[in-house]
N, C-alpha and C. Protein backbone atom coordinates (compact mmCIF):
# COMPACT_ATOMS: atom_id res chain seq x y z
N MET A 1 159.07 41.80 142.81
CA MET A 1 158.26 41.84 142.31
C MET A 1 156.74 41.89 143.08
N LYS A 2 156.96 40.93 144.16
CA LYS A 2 155.93 40.60 144.63
C LYS A 2 155.43 41.77 145.92
N THR A 3 156.57 43.22 146.41
CA THR A 3 156.28 43.92 147.14
C THR A 3 155.63 45.01 146.36
N VAL A 4 155.95 44.88 145.32
CA VAL A 4 155.04 46.11 144.48
C VAL A 4 153.60 46.15 143.74
N LYS A 5 153.38 44.60 143.28
CA LYS A 5 151.98 44.01 143.83
C LYS A 5 150.96 44.68 144.73
N SER A 6 151.40 44.09 145.17
CA SER A 6 150.68 44.42 146.97
C SER A 6 150.52 45.97 147.13
N PRO A 7 151.60 46.78 147.03
CA PRO A 7 151.34 48.66 147.44
C PRO A 7 150.64 48.85 146.55
N LEU A 8 150.73 48.14 145.30
CA LEU A 8 149.74 48.67 144.18
C LEU A 8 148.30 48.26 144.60
N LEU A 9 148.22 46.65 144.89
CA LEU A 9 146.94 46.62 144.80
C LEU A 9 145.97 46.82 146.04
N LEU A 10 146.68 47.09 147.05
CA LEU A 10 146.60 47.99 148.23
C LEU A 10 146.47 49.75 147.99
N THR A 11 146.52 50.08 146.76
CA THR A 11 146.15 51.44 146.68
C THR A 11 145.17 51.52 145.80
N LEU A 12 144.82 50.58 144.86
CA LEU A 12 143.53 49.78 143.80
C LEU A 12 142.58 50.02 144.79
N LEU A 13 142.76 49.15 146.53
CA LEU A 13 141.65 49.13 146.95
C LEU A 13 141.55 50.41 147.71
N LEU A 14 142.00 50.82 148.04
CA LEU A 14 141.55 52.15 148.62
C LEU A 14 140.73 52.98 147.82
N LEU A 15 141.83 53.32 146.84
CA LEU A 15 141.26 54.39 146.02
C LEU A 15 139.50 53.68 145.37
N VAL A 16 138.80 52.54 145.69
CA VAL A 16 137.72 51.88 145.10
C VAL A 16 137.35 52.33 146.80
N ILE A 17 137.63 52.10 148.30
CA ILE A 17 136.67 52.33 148.93
C ILE A 17 136.55 53.53 148.69
N TRP A 18 137.34 54.40 149.41
CA TRP A 18 137.43 55.52 148.61
C TRP A 18 136.24 57.00 147.91
N GLY A 19 136.46 55.74 146.93
CA GLY A 19 135.57 56.60 145.80
C GLY A 19 134.37 56.64 145.81
N GLY A 20 134.09 54.95 146.89
CA GLY A 20 132.50 54.95 147.22
C GLY A 20 131.96 55.71 148.39
N LEU A 21 132.32 56.27 149.04
CA LEU A 21 132.27 56.54 150.39
C LEU A 21 131.48 58.13 150.07
N GLY A 22 131.40 58.79 149.19
CA GLY A 22 130.71 60.28 149.06
C GLY A 22 129.15 59.53 148.43
N LYS A 23 129.37 58.47 147.62
CA LYS A 23 127.90 58.20 147.37
C LYS A 23 126.92 57.37 148.14
N ALA A 24 125.96 58.12 147.74
CA ALA A 24 124.64 56.87 148.54
C ALA A 24 124.43 55.66 147.77
N GLN A 25 124.59 54.65 148.73
CA GLN A 25 124.58 53.98 149.27
C GLN A 25 122.82 53.70 148.27
N ALA A 26 121.69 54.06 148.69
CA ALA A 26 120.43 53.73 148.08
C ALA A 26 120.16 54.75 146.93
N GLN A 27 119.42 53.73 145.84
CA GLN A 27 119.11 54.78 144.34
C GLN A 27 117.80 54.49 144.37
N ILE A 28 117.43 55.59 144.18
CA ILE A 28 115.79 56.23 144.68
C ILE A 28 115.47 56.52 143.08
N SER A 29 114.25 56.02 142.66
CA SER A 29 114.17 56.41 141.47
C SER A 29 112.16 57.75 141.38
N LEU A 30 112.41 58.54 141.17
CA LEU A 30 111.06 59.15 140.86
C LEU A 30 110.24 59.34 139.86
N ARG A 31 109.08 58.84 139.74
CA ARG A 31 107.74 58.99 138.35
C ARG A 31 106.63 59.75 138.65
N LEU A 32 106.57 60.72 138.29
CA LEU A 32 105.59 61.69 138.19
C LEU A 32 104.75 60.96 136.97
N SER A 33 103.20 61.13 137.58
CA SER A 33 102.36 60.82 136.28
C SER A 33 101.11 60.82 136.60
N PRO A 34 100.49 61.32 135.61
CA PRO A 34 101.32 62.77 134.37
C PRO A 34 102.24 63.43 134.85
N ALA A 35 103.25 63.81 134.47
CA ALA A 35 104.12 64.48 134.39
C ALA A 35 104.04 66.30 133.59
N LEU A 36 102.89 65.95 132.66
CA LEU A 36 102.88 67.12 132.05
C LEU A 36 101.37 66.97 132.07
N GLN A 37 100.30 68.31 132.23
CA GLN A 37 98.96 68.42 132.88
C GLN A 37 99.06 69.59 132.23
N SER A 38 97.44 70.21 131.66
CA SER A 38 96.62 71.24 131.46
C SER A 38 95.58 71.53 131.57
N GLY A 39 95.16 72.88 131.40
CA GLY A 39 94.36 73.63 132.08
C GLY A 39 94.05 75.20 130.84
N PRO A 40 92.69 75.91 131.04
CA PRO A 40 92.50 77.01 130.50
C PRO A 40 92.95 77.84 130.98
N ALA A 41 93.91 78.75 130.66
CA ALA A 41 94.02 80.01 130.89
C ALA A 41 93.22 81.13 131.34
N GLY A 42 93.36 81.87 131.81
CA GLY A 42 92.41 82.88 132.47
C GLY A 42 90.67 82.53 133.74
N THR A 43 91.65 81.16 134.42
CA THR A 43 90.75 80.76 135.54
C THR A 43 92.11 80.27 136.27
N SER A 44 91.87 80.21 137.42
CA SER A 44 92.86 79.46 138.87
C SER A 44 92.71 78.02 138.45
N ASN A 45 93.74 77.15 138.35
CA ASN A 45 93.47 75.92 138.21
C ASN A 45 94.11 75.18 139.71
N LEU A 46 93.72 74.03 139.76
CA LEU A 46 94.78 73.50 140.91
C LEU A 46 95.36 72.04 139.88
N PHE A 47 96.40 72.12 139.75
CA PHE A 47 97.28 70.45 139.11
C PHE A 47 97.72 69.65 140.68
N THR A 48 96.75 68.91 140.63
CA THR A 48 97.63 67.25 140.92
C THR A 48 99.07 66.32 140.92
N PHE A 49 100.43 66.50 141.47
CA PHE A 49 100.46 65.67 140.55
C PHE A 49 100.86 64.31 141.48
N ILE A 50 101.06 63.35 141.02
CA ILE A 50 100.64 61.97 141.70
C ILE A 50 102.28 61.19 141.11
N GLY A 51 102.78 60.51 141.79
CA GLY A 51 103.74 59.56 141.21
C GLY A 51 103.91 58.70 142.34
N THR A 52 105.31 57.88 141.76
CA THR A 52 105.96 56.96 142.82
C THR A 52 106.92 56.68 143.14
N ILE A 53 107.73 56.91 144.43
CA ILE A 53 109.22 56.70 144.34
C ILE A 53 109.84 55.15 145.21
N THR A 54 110.88 54.51 144.27
CA THR A 54 111.39 53.45 144.39
C THR A 54 112.43 54.00 145.07
N ASN A 55 113.14 52.81 146.06
CA ASN A 55 113.89 52.26 146.76
C ASN A 55 114.92 51.30 145.71
N ASN A 56 115.38 51.52 144.85
CA ASN A 56 116.24 50.67 144.34
C ASN A 56 117.85 49.75 144.31
N GLY A 57 117.40 50.50 145.80
CA GLY A 57 119.18 50.39 146.30
C GLY A 57 119.37 49.02 146.46
N THR A 58 120.48 49.28 147.53
CA THR A 58 120.84 47.76 148.74
C THR A 58 120.36 48.50 150.08
N SER A 59 120.05 49.76 150.42
CA SER A 59 120.21 50.01 151.97
C SER A 59 118.98 50.94 152.04
N THR A 60 118.24 51.10 153.64
CA THR A 60 117.52 52.23 153.65
C THR A 60 117.77 53.11 153.55
N VAL A 61 116.78 53.69 152.92
CA VAL A 61 116.52 55.46 152.42
C VAL A 61 115.92 56.47 153.06
N PHE A 62 116.01 57.72 154.03
CA PHE A 62 114.99 58.37 154.42
C PHE A 62 114.94 59.33 153.18
N LEU A 63 113.42 59.59 152.95
CA LEU A 63 112.74 60.67 152.34
C LEU A 63 112.56 61.41 153.65
N ASN A 64 113.16 63.14 153.76
CA ASN A 64 113.19 63.82 154.70
C ASN A 64 112.73 64.92 154.11
N ALA A 65 112.51 65.39 152.80
CA ALA A 65 111.73 66.02 152.40
C ALA A 65 111.75 66.73 150.81
N ASP A 66 111.37 68.04 150.18
CA ASP A 66 111.15 67.34 148.91
C ASP A 66 111.62 69.38 148.40
N ASN A 67 112.12 69.64 147.61
CA ASN A 67 112.43 70.87 146.70
C ASN A 67 111.78 71.19 145.34
N PHE A 68 111.25 72.19 144.87
CA PHE A 68 111.08 73.18 143.53
C PHE A 68 111.85 74.12 142.64
N THR A 69 111.89 73.22 141.88
CA THR A 69 112.77 74.45 140.65
C THR A 69 111.12 75.05 139.99
N PHE A 70 111.09 76.17 139.81
CA PHE A 70 109.12 77.05 139.34
C PHE A 70 110.10 77.99 138.86
N ALA A 71 110.08 78.60 137.98
CA ALA A 71 110.57 80.11 137.62
C ALA A 71 109.35 80.95 137.50
N ALA A 72 107.82 80.41 137.36
CA ALA A 72 107.11 81.05 136.99
C ALA A 72 106.08 82.08 138.29
N THR A 73 105.48 83.01 137.71
CA THR A 73 105.55 84.30 138.69
C THR A 73 103.83 83.83 138.99
N GLY A 74 104.16 84.40 140.75
CA GLY A 74 102.64 84.61 141.17
C GLY A 74 101.89 83.08 141.56
N TRP A 75 102.20 81.68 140.81
CA TRP A 75 101.58 80.42 141.25
C TRP A 75 102.53 80.14 142.71
N THR A 76 101.18 79.10 142.66
CA THR A 76 102.04 78.45 144.39
C THR A 76 101.74 76.64 144.03
N LEU A 77 102.95 76.29 144.25
CA LEU A 77 103.23 74.93 144.83
C LEU A 77 102.77 74.64 146.29
N ASP A 78 102.44 73.34 146.79
CA ASP A 78 102.57 72.92 148.36
C ASP A 78 102.76 70.99 147.90
N ASP A 79 103.64 71.27 149.25
CA ASP A 79 104.38 70.25 149.39
C ASP A 79 103.34 69.51 150.37
N THR A 80 102.02 69.56 150.88
CA THR A 80 101.38 69.23 151.52
C THR A 80 101.54 67.81 151.71
N ASP A 81 101.11 67.30 150.49
CA ASP A 81 100.51 65.85 149.82
C ASP A 81 101.83 65.36 150.54
N PHE A 82 102.79 65.89 149.78
CA PHE A 82 104.32 64.48 149.81
C PHE A 82 104.75 64.37 151.57
N PHE A 83 104.61 65.37 152.02
CA PHE A 83 104.62 65.02 153.49
C PHE A 83 103.49 63.98 154.49
N ASN A 84 101.97 64.25 154.00
CA ASN A 84 101.39 63.60 154.13
C ASN A 84 100.96 62.34 153.70
N ASN A 85 101.85 61.96 152.94
CA ASN A 85 101.60 60.63 151.57
C ASN A 85 102.69 59.90 152.14
N ALA A 86 104.15 60.07 151.87
CA ALA A 86 105.72 59.81 151.54
C ALA A 86 105.47 59.05 152.96
N PRO A 87 106.52 57.68 152.74
CA PRO A 87 107.07 56.80 154.38
C PRO A 87 108.24 58.05 154.51
N PRO A 88 108.60 58.25 156.31
CA PRO A 88 110.01 58.55 156.36
C PRO A 88 110.84 57.61 156.04
N SER A 89 110.87 56.59 155.40
CA SER A 89 112.63 55.48 155.02
C SER A 89 111.55 54.96 154.28
N LEU A 90 112.48 54.36 153.04
CA LEU A 90 111.50 53.25 151.79
C LEU A 90 113.37 52.14 152.21
N ASN A 91 112.50 51.27 152.45
CA ASN A 91 114.43 50.03 152.73
C ASN A 91 114.41 49.48 150.77
N PRO A 92 115.32 48.30 150.43
CA PRO A 92 115.53 48.06 149.72
C PRO A 92 114.65 47.22 149.08
N GLY A 93 114.04 48.02 148.06
CA GLY A 93 113.07 47.51 146.60
C GLY A 93 111.78 47.96 147.51
N ASP A 94 111.46 48.71 148.64
CA ASP A 94 110.22 49.43 148.19
C ASP A 94 109.68 50.19 147.56
N THR A 95 108.67 50.85 147.32
CA THR A 95 108.46 51.71 146.60
C THR A 95 106.79 52.07 147.27
N THR A 96 106.36 53.41 147.14
CA THR A 96 105.44 54.02 147.88
C THR A 96 104.27 53.62 147.41
N GLY A 97 104.34 53.31 145.96
CA GLY A 97 102.45 53.32 145.00
C GLY A 97 102.50 55.03 144.14
N LEU A 98 101.42 54.80 143.45
CA LEU A 98 100.94 56.00 143.49
C LEU A 98 100.31 56.64 144.16
N ILE A 99 101.20 57.94 144.99
CA ILE A 99 101.00 58.40 145.55
C ILE A 99 100.90 60.53 145.30
N ALA A 100 99.97 61.19 146.00
CA ALA A 100 99.95 62.41 145.77
C ALA A 100 100.91 63.38 146.25
N LEU A 101 101.30 63.62 145.74
CA LEU A 101 103.02 64.54 145.86
C LEU A 101 102.83 65.96 146.10
N PHE A 102 102.39 66.50 145.11
CA PHE A 102 102.51 68.35 145.39
C PHE A 102 101.04 68.75 143.97
N THR A 103 101.07 69.99 144.49
CA THR A 103 99.68 70.20 143.69
C THR A 103 100.62 71.89 143.70
N ALA A 104 100.02 72.70 141.85
CA ALA A 104 100.60 73.70 141.83
C ALA A 104 99.05 74.42 141.24
N THR A 105 98.90 75.75 141.76
CA THR A 105 97.79 76.83 141.84
C THR A 105 98.38 77.88 140.22
N ASN A 106 98.33 78.18 139.59
CA ASN A 106 97.98 79.03 138.61
C ASN A 106 97.60 80.17 139.09
N PRO A 107 97.43 81.64 138.81
CA PRO A 107 96.94 82.85 139.12
C PRO A 107 96.00 82.78 138.07
N GLN A 108 94.99 83.31 138.33
CA GLN A 108 94.06 83.42 137.45
C GLN A 108 94.40 84.60 136.33
N SER A 109 95.67 85.56 136.31
CA SER A 109 96.53 86.34 135.12
C SER A 109 97.45 85.73 135.20
N ALA A 110 97.56 84.61 134.77
CA ALA A 110 98.36 83.85 134.04
C ALA A 110 98.50 83.99 132.86
N PRO A 111 98.99 83.86 131.37
CA PRO A 111 98.60 83.86 130.15
C PRO A 111 98.84 82.23 129.80
N ALA A 112 98.27 82.10 129.00
CA ALA A 112 98.51 80.84 127.86
C ALA A 112 100.08 80.88 128.29
N GLY A 113 100.36 79.46 127.90
CA GLY A 113 102.00 79.23 127.81
C GLY A 113 102.15 78.05 128.83
N ASN A 114 103.03 77.42 128.28
CA ASN A 114 103.91 76.26 129.30
C ASN A 114 104.81 77.07 130.07
N TYR A 115 104.71 75.74 131.33
CA TYR A 115 105.11 76.31 132.69
C TYR A 115 106.18 75.27 132.85
N VAL A 116 107.39 75.16 133.11
CA VAL A 116 108.28 74.26 133.37
C VAL A 116 109.26 73.92 134.68
N GLY A 117 108.83 72.72 135.70
CA GLY A 117 110.23 72.95 136.66
C GLY A 117 110.50 71.85 137.15
N THR A 118 110.90 71.96 138.06
CA THR A 118 111.53 70.54 138.68
C THR A 118 111.06 70.08 140.01
N TYR A 119 110.74 68.75 140.16
CA TYR A 119 110.51 68.70 141.37
C TYR A 119 111.53 67.28 142.20
N SER A 120 111.74 67.84 143.18
CA SER A 120 113.31 66.77 143.85
C SER A 120 112.46 65.97 145.07
N ILE A 121 113.19 64.83 145.48
CA ILE A 121 113.10 64.35 146.41
C ILE A 121 114.60 64.70 147.31
N LEU A 122 114.61 64.97 148.36
CA LEU A 122 115.67 64.50 149.69
C LEU A 122 115.94 63.82 150.60
N GLY A 123 117.14 63.85 150.86
CA GLY A 123 116.57 62.74 151.92
C GLY A 123 118.16 61.95 151.98
N GLY A 124 118.70 60.96 152.21
CA GLY A 124 119.69 60.01 152.30
C GLY A 124 119.88 58.78 153.59
N ALA A 125 120.98 59.08 154.05
CA ALA A 125 121.56 57.24 154.78
C ALA A 125 120.38 57.57 156.35
N THR A 126 120.42 58.54 156.27
CA THR A 126 120.27 58.96 158.01
C THR A 126 118.57 60.29 157.91
N SER A 127 118.13 60.45 159.07
CA SER A 127 116.93 61.27 159.06
C SER A 127 117.17 62.82 159.03
N SER A 128 117.83 63.08 159.12
CA SER A 128 118.75 64.69 158.65
C SER A 128 119.53 64.75 157.52
N ASP A 129 119.16 63.56 156.66
CA ASP A 129 120.22 64.10 155.13
C ASP A 129 119.09 65.11 154.59
N THR A 130 119.89 65.94 154.04
CA THR A 130 118.68 66.17 152.65
C THR A 130 119.91 66.31 151.71
N ASN A 131 120.37 65.04 150.97
CA ASN A 131 120.95 65.36 149.38
C ASN A 131 119.53 65.38 148.33
N VAL A 132 119.79 65.63 147.05
CA VAL A 132 119.05 65.65 146.15
C VAL A 132 119.10 63.54 145.80
N LEU A 133 118.03 63.10 146.55
CA LEU A 133 117.72 61.34 146.19
C LEU A 133 117.45 61.45 144.43
N ALA A 134 116.61 61.85 143.86
CA ALA A 134 115.87 61.85 142.53
C ALA A 134 115.21 63.18 142.22
N SER A 135 115.12 63.30 141.14
CA SER A 135 114.29 64.84 140.02
C SER A 135 113.53 64.26 139.06
N GLU A 136 112.48 65.25 139.15
CA GLU A 136 111.64 65.15 137.79
C GLU A 136 110.98 66.02 137.38
N PRO A 137 111.20 66.42 136.06
CA PRO A 137 110.52 67.39 135.70
C PRO A 137 109.07 67.31 134.91
N PHE A 138 108.85 68.38 135.47
CA PHE A 138 106.86 68.50 135.02
C PHE A 138 106.46 69.63 134.17
N GLN A 139 105.51 69.50 133.84
CA GLN A 139 105.11 70.82 132.97
C GLN A 139 103.57 70.87 132.90
N VAL A 140 102.75 72.62 133.28
CA VAL A 140 101.54 72.95 133.35
C VAL A 140 101.54 73.84 132.00
N THR A 141 100.51 73.08 130.90
CA THR A 141 100.50 74.11 129.96
C THR A 141 98.79 75.03 130.18
N LEU A 142 98.83 75.97 130.02
CA LEU A 142 97.47 76.71 130.46
C LEU A 142 97.29 76.86 128.68
N THR A 143 96.19 76.20 128.24
CA THR A 143 95.36 76.86 127.05
C THR A 143 95.16 77.97 126.59
N SER A 144 94.91 78.67 125.60
CA SER A 144 94.31 79.46 125.32
C SER A 144 92.48 79.39 125.41
N SER A 145 91.39 80.38 126.33
CA SER A 145 90.23 80.35 126.68
C SER A 145 89.87 81.05 125.58
N ALA A 146 90.17 81.82 124.80
CA ALA A 146 89.32 82.03 123.61
C ALA A 146 89.12 81.22 122.36
N THR A 147 87.68 80.78 122.32
CA THR A 147 87.47 80.40 121.33
C THR A 147 86.50 80.41 120.52
N THR A 148 86.05 80.30 119.03
CA THR A 148 85.56 80.79 118.44
C THR A 148 83.89 79.69 118.73
N PRO A 149 82.79 80.69 119.43
CA PRO A 149 81.34 79.71 119.48
C PRO A 149 80.96 78.69 118.03
N GLU A 150 80.39 77.87 117.75
CA GLU A 150 79.79 77.14 117.16
C GLU A 150 78.61 77.79 116.51
N MET A 151 78.27 77.50 115.36
CA MET A 151 76.48 78.04 115.34
C MET A 151 75.87 77.40 115.66
N GLY A 152 74.35 78.08 116.67
CA GLY A 152 73.41 76.07 116.55
C GLY A 152 72.71 75.75 115.23
N SER A 153 72.41 74.96 115.23
CA SER A 153 71.41 74.26 114.47
C SER A 153 70.14 75.59 113.76
N LEU A 154 69.14 76.10 114.72
CA LEU A 154 68.78 77.22 114.78
C LEU A 154 69.05 78.16 113.72
N ALA A 155 70.23 78.73 114.55
CA ALA A 155 71.07 79.84 113.66
C ALA A 155 71.14 79.38 112.54
N SER A 156 71.90 78.23 112.43
CA SER A 156 72.47 77.64 110.52
C SER A 156 70.96 78.09 109.82
N LEU A 157 70.07 77.57 109.99
CA LEU A 157 68.72 76.84 109.57
C LEU A 157 68.25 78.81 109.18
N THR A 158 67.90 79.11 110.00
CA THR A 158 67.18 81.19 109.41
C THR A 158 68.50 81.23 108.75
N LEU A 159 70.02 81.45 108.67
CA LEU A 159 71.00 82.06 107.83
C LEU A 159 70.32 80.95 106.61
N ILE A 160 70.00 79.78 106.68
CA ILE A 160 70.07 79.72 105.00
C ILE A 160 69.05 80.03 104.30
N PHE A 161 67.74 80.10 105.14
CA PHE A 161 66.13 80.55 104.58
C PHE A 161 65.96 81.51 104.28
N MET A 162 67.50 82.39 104.61
CA MET A 162 67.38 84.04 104.63
C MET A 162 67.94 84.41 103.05
N LEU A 163 69.42 83.25 103.72
CA LEU A 163 69.51 83.67 101.81
C LEU A 163 68.76 82.80 100.71
N VAL A 164 68.36 81.74 100.57
CA VAL A 164 67.29 81.12 99.99
C VAL A 164 66.46 82.61 99.39
N ALA A 165 65.62 82.75 100.86
CA ALA A 165 64.65 83.86 99.86
C ALA A 165 65.15 84.96 99.33
N ALA A 166 66.49 86.05 100.10
CA ALA A 166 67.12 86.77 99.12
C ALA A 166 67.30 86.45 97.62
N LEU A 167 67.62 85.11 97.76
CA LEU A 167 67.85 84.98 96.62
C LEU A 167 66.66 85.11 95.34
N THR A 168 65.95 83.97 96.14
CA THR A 168 64.71 83.96 95.19
C THR A 168 63.94 85.36 94.86
N LEU A 169 63.55 85.78 95.85
CA LEU A 169 63.41 87.35 95.53
C LEU A 169 64.10 88.19 94.14
N TYR A 170 65.66 88.04 94.77
CA TYR A 170 66.03 88.90 93.47
C TYR A 170 65.98 88.38 92.17
N ARG A 171 65.93 86.85 91.77
CA ARG A 171 65.08 86.20 91.29
C ARG A 171 64.43 86.92 90.27
N ALA A 172 62.84 86.76 91.45
CA ALA A 172 61.42 86.98 90.97
C ALA A 172 61.40 88.61 89.95
N ARG A 173 62.48 89.47 90.88
CA ARG A 173 62.39 91.11 90.69
C ARG A 173 63.40 91.13 88.71
N SER A 174 64.25 90.39 89.05
CA SER A 174 64.94 90.00 88.02
C SER A 174 64.30 89.35 86.59
N ARG A 175 62.94 88.80 86.81
CA ARG A 175 62.52 88.34 85.46
C ARG A 175 61.17 89.22 85.49
N ARG A 176 61.08 89.90 86.51
CA ARG A 176 59.65 90.84 86.63
C ARG A 176 60.02 91.62 85.15
N GLN A 177 61.58 92.36 85.72
CA GLN A 177 62.23 93.77 84.91
C GLN A 177 62.19 93.62 83.54
N ALA A 178 62.98 91.90 83.41
CA ALA A 178 63.08 91.82 82.07
C ALA A 178 61.64 91.48 81.47
N ILE A 179 60.52 91.10 82.07
CA ILE A 179 59.42 90.69 81.24
C ILE A 179 58.74 92.53 80.36
N ARG A 180 59.30 93.35 81.83
CA ARG A 180 58.59 94.59 81.22
C ARG A 180 59.62 95.67 80.62
N GLU A 181 60.83 95.30 80.30
CA GLU A 181 61.53 95.05 79.15
C GLU A 181 60.94 94.80 77.48
N HIS A 182 60.74 93.87 77.40
CA HIS A 182 60.12 92.93 76.38
C HIS A 182 59.33 93.70 76.10
C-alpha cells in the first residue's frame, strides 16, 4: 500500500504545481471612481476617469499597458494619463491611490444615450508581459440638451395681468349689454 500512496501523492503534488504555473501570482484590482459620468448631448465633452490600482497578491506585478473596449463611433479615448500617472510596477500590498487613468471625448454629433465600455490594465510578472490583470466597466451618459425654458417672473406677472384685464373687460361688457336689454 505504501507504493500506491507515494505515486498518488506525487501525482497530486505535480497537478497542483502544474495547475499553478499558468496563473498570475499577483492579483490586481482596479476601481474606477466614478465609473459612470454624464454630460449634455450636442456639445463635445471631456470625461476624465480616475481610479485606483491595487496589488492584492504576494509578488511584484508590472503595469505595462492598458486597453479599451468601446463600440461608440467618433469618440476619442486617450490613455496618456495612465502612462503619466501609473507606476511601472506595484509591490505586494501597494496601491496607486486615486490617479487619472484615461479620458473619453464625445463628438458633438453624438446623440443622447448611454455609451458603455471596458477599461483593462495589462502586464504581469515581467516588464514585457501583456496579460489582462484587471478590467472595469465604465459608462458615459449623454443627456438630452432640449429643455423647456421656465417663464420668468415678469412674464408670468404680465400674463396674469392680461388675463385679469380680459376677464374684467368681458364682465363689464356683459353687464352693459344686460342693462341695455332690460
